[in-house]
Amino acid sequence: MEVLERVIVKVRRGKWAELKELHKKLQVIASRCGFPPARYYHALSGLDDWDTLIIEREWESLAAWEAACQEREAGPEIQPPHAEGHAIEEGVRFEAYTVLKAWSEADPS
């Protein structure tokens, strides 16, 4: 079962440049732990305001997502970036979705 992970980050006003630098560090750690590439979005409208960053990744399975997260969290290198994030992010929430492949493909039936 493919899974779409979505991370919604409420960014403190004026902290976007700092957040970008933080995510560069986090991406290096994540890629070493088997995380797939991320797509980044800046909210324009919807439930979240302008100072919101959306990060999405697609995983081959829940097990792959869980294993990569456990590896990342077990390493000591994740602690300094997590601490930096508290000064930059007002809040973070996580969502996960099952990817419905058959609905996305051109299927006339």
Protein backbone atom coordinates (compact mmCIF):
# COMPACT_ATOMS: atom_id res chain seq x y z
CA MET A 1 0.00 0.00 0.00
CA GLU A 2 1.52 3.30 -1.06
CA VAL A 3 1.29 6.14 1.44
CA LEU A 4 1.39 9.91 1.02
CA GLU A 5 2.95 11.65 4.02
CA ARG A 6 2.09 15.32 4.49
CA VAL A 7 3.75 17.56 7.07
CA ILE A 8 2.12 20.94 7.69
CA VAL A 9 4.44 23.48 9.31
CA LYS A 10 3.20 26.78 10.75
CA VAL A 11 6.20 29.08 10.26
CA ARG A 12 6.92 31.96 12.62
CA ARG A 13 6.60 35.28 10.79
CA GLY A 14 9.88 36.35 9.21
CA LYS A 15 11.54 32.94 9.68
CA TRP A 16 11.26 31.53 6.13
CA ALA A 17 14.97 31.92 5.27
CA GLU A 18 15.96 30.21 8.52
CA LEU A 19 13.46 27.43 7.86
CA LYS A 20 14.90 26.85 4.39
CA GLU A 21 18.40 26.43 5.86
CA LEU A 22 17.06 24.09 8.54
CA HIS A 23 15.32 21.93 5.95
CA LYS A 24 18.52 21.66 3.94
CA LYS A 25 20.15 20.08 7.01
CA LEU A 26 17.14 17.87 7.66
CA GLN A 27 17.02 16.69 4.03
CA VAL A 28 20.63 15.47 4.24
CA ILE A 29 19.78 13.42 7.33
CA ALA A 30 16.51 12.16 5.82
CA SER A 31 18.10 11.04 2.56
CA ARG A 32 20.72 9.02 4.48
CA CYS A 33 17.88 7.30 6.33
CA GLY A 34 16.03 6.31 3.16
CA PHE A 35 13.48 9.09 2.91
CA PRO A 36 12.22 9.70 -0.63
CA PRO A 37 12.57 13.20 -2.11
CA ALA A 38 10.16 15.78 -0.73
CA ARG A 39 7.94 18.28 -2.52
CA TYR A 40 7.52 21.64 -0.79
CA TYR A 41 4.48 23.95 -1.03
CA HIS A 42 3.77 27.44 0.31
CA ALA A 43 0.10 27.83 1.27
CA LEU A 44 -1.82 30.42 -0.75
CA SER A 45 -5.34 29.64 0.41
CA GLY A 46 -7.24 27.02 2.35
CA LEU A 47 -7.43 26.15 6.02
CA ASP A 48 -3.86 27.21 6.70
CA ASP A 49 -2.60 30.78 6.47
CA TRP A 50 0.17 32.33 4.36
CA ASP A 51 2.91 31.36 6.82
CA THR A 52 2.40 27.64 6.22
CA LEU A 53 4.78 25.19 4.58
CA ILE A 54 3.49 21.85 3.29
CA ILE A 55 5.96 19.00 2.77
CA GLU A 56 4.89 15.84 0.94
CA ARG A 57 6.58 12.50 0.34
CA GLU A 58 5.30 9.30 -1.21
CA TRP A 59 6.28 6.04 0.46
CA GLU A 60 6.05 2.52 -0.96
CA SER A 61 4.50 1.31 2.32
CA LEU A 62 3.76 2.18 5.93
CA ALA A 63 6.56 -0.18 6.94
CA ALA A 64 9.11 1.73 4.82
CA TRP A 65 7.96 5.04 6.32
CA GLU A 66 8.14 3.68 9.85
CA ALA A 67 11.61 2.14 9.34
CA ALA A 68 13.05 5.38 7.92
CA CYS A 69 11.54 7.45 10.75
CA GLN A 70 12.95 5.08 13.38
CA GLU A 71 16.40 5.24 11.81
CA ARG A 72 16.29 9.05 11.65
CA GLU A 73 15.11 9.44 15.24
CA ALA A 74 17.70 6.96 16.59
CA GLY A 75 20.62 9.01 15.28
CA PRO A 76 22.13 11.76 17.45
CA GLU A 77 22.47 14.13 14.47
CA ILE A 78 18.71 14.82 14.43
CA GLN A 79 18.65 16.48 17.87
CA PRO A 80 20.30 19.84 16.99
CA PRO A 81 18.01 20.48 13.98
CA HIS A 82 14.95 19.55 16.04
CA ALA A 83 16.01 22.08 18.67
CA GLU A 84 16.51 24.77 15.98
CA GLY A 85 13.01 24.12 14.71
CA HIS A 86 11.39 25.24 17.95
CA ALA A 87 12.52 28.84 17.32
CA ILE A 88 11.32 28.76 13.69
CA GLU A 89 8.12 26.72 13.74
CA GLU A 90 4.99 27.58 15.70
CA GLY A 91 3.56 24.13 15.18
CA VAL A 92 3.77 21.00 13.07
CA ARG A 93 1.13 18.42 12.24
CA PHE A 94 1.38 15.19 10.29
CA GLU A 95 -1.10 13.53 7.96
CA ALA A 96 -0.97 10.24 6.09
CA TYR A 97 -3.09 9.07 3.16
CA THR A 98 -3.46 5.82 1.28
CA VAL A 99 -2.70 6.39 -2.39
CA LEU A 100 -5.66 5.21 -4.50
CA LYS A 101 -3.81 4.31 -7.69
CA ALA A 102 -6.86 3.00 -9.54
CA TRP A 103 -8.65 6.31 -9.05
CA SER A 104 -5.69 8.27 -10.42
CA GLU A 105 -5.16 6.22 -13.56
CA ALA A 106 -7.21 6.66 -16.70
CA ASP A 107 -9.58 3.73 -16.21
CA PRO A 108 -12.88 3.91 -18.09
CA SER A 109 -14.54 1.25 -15.91
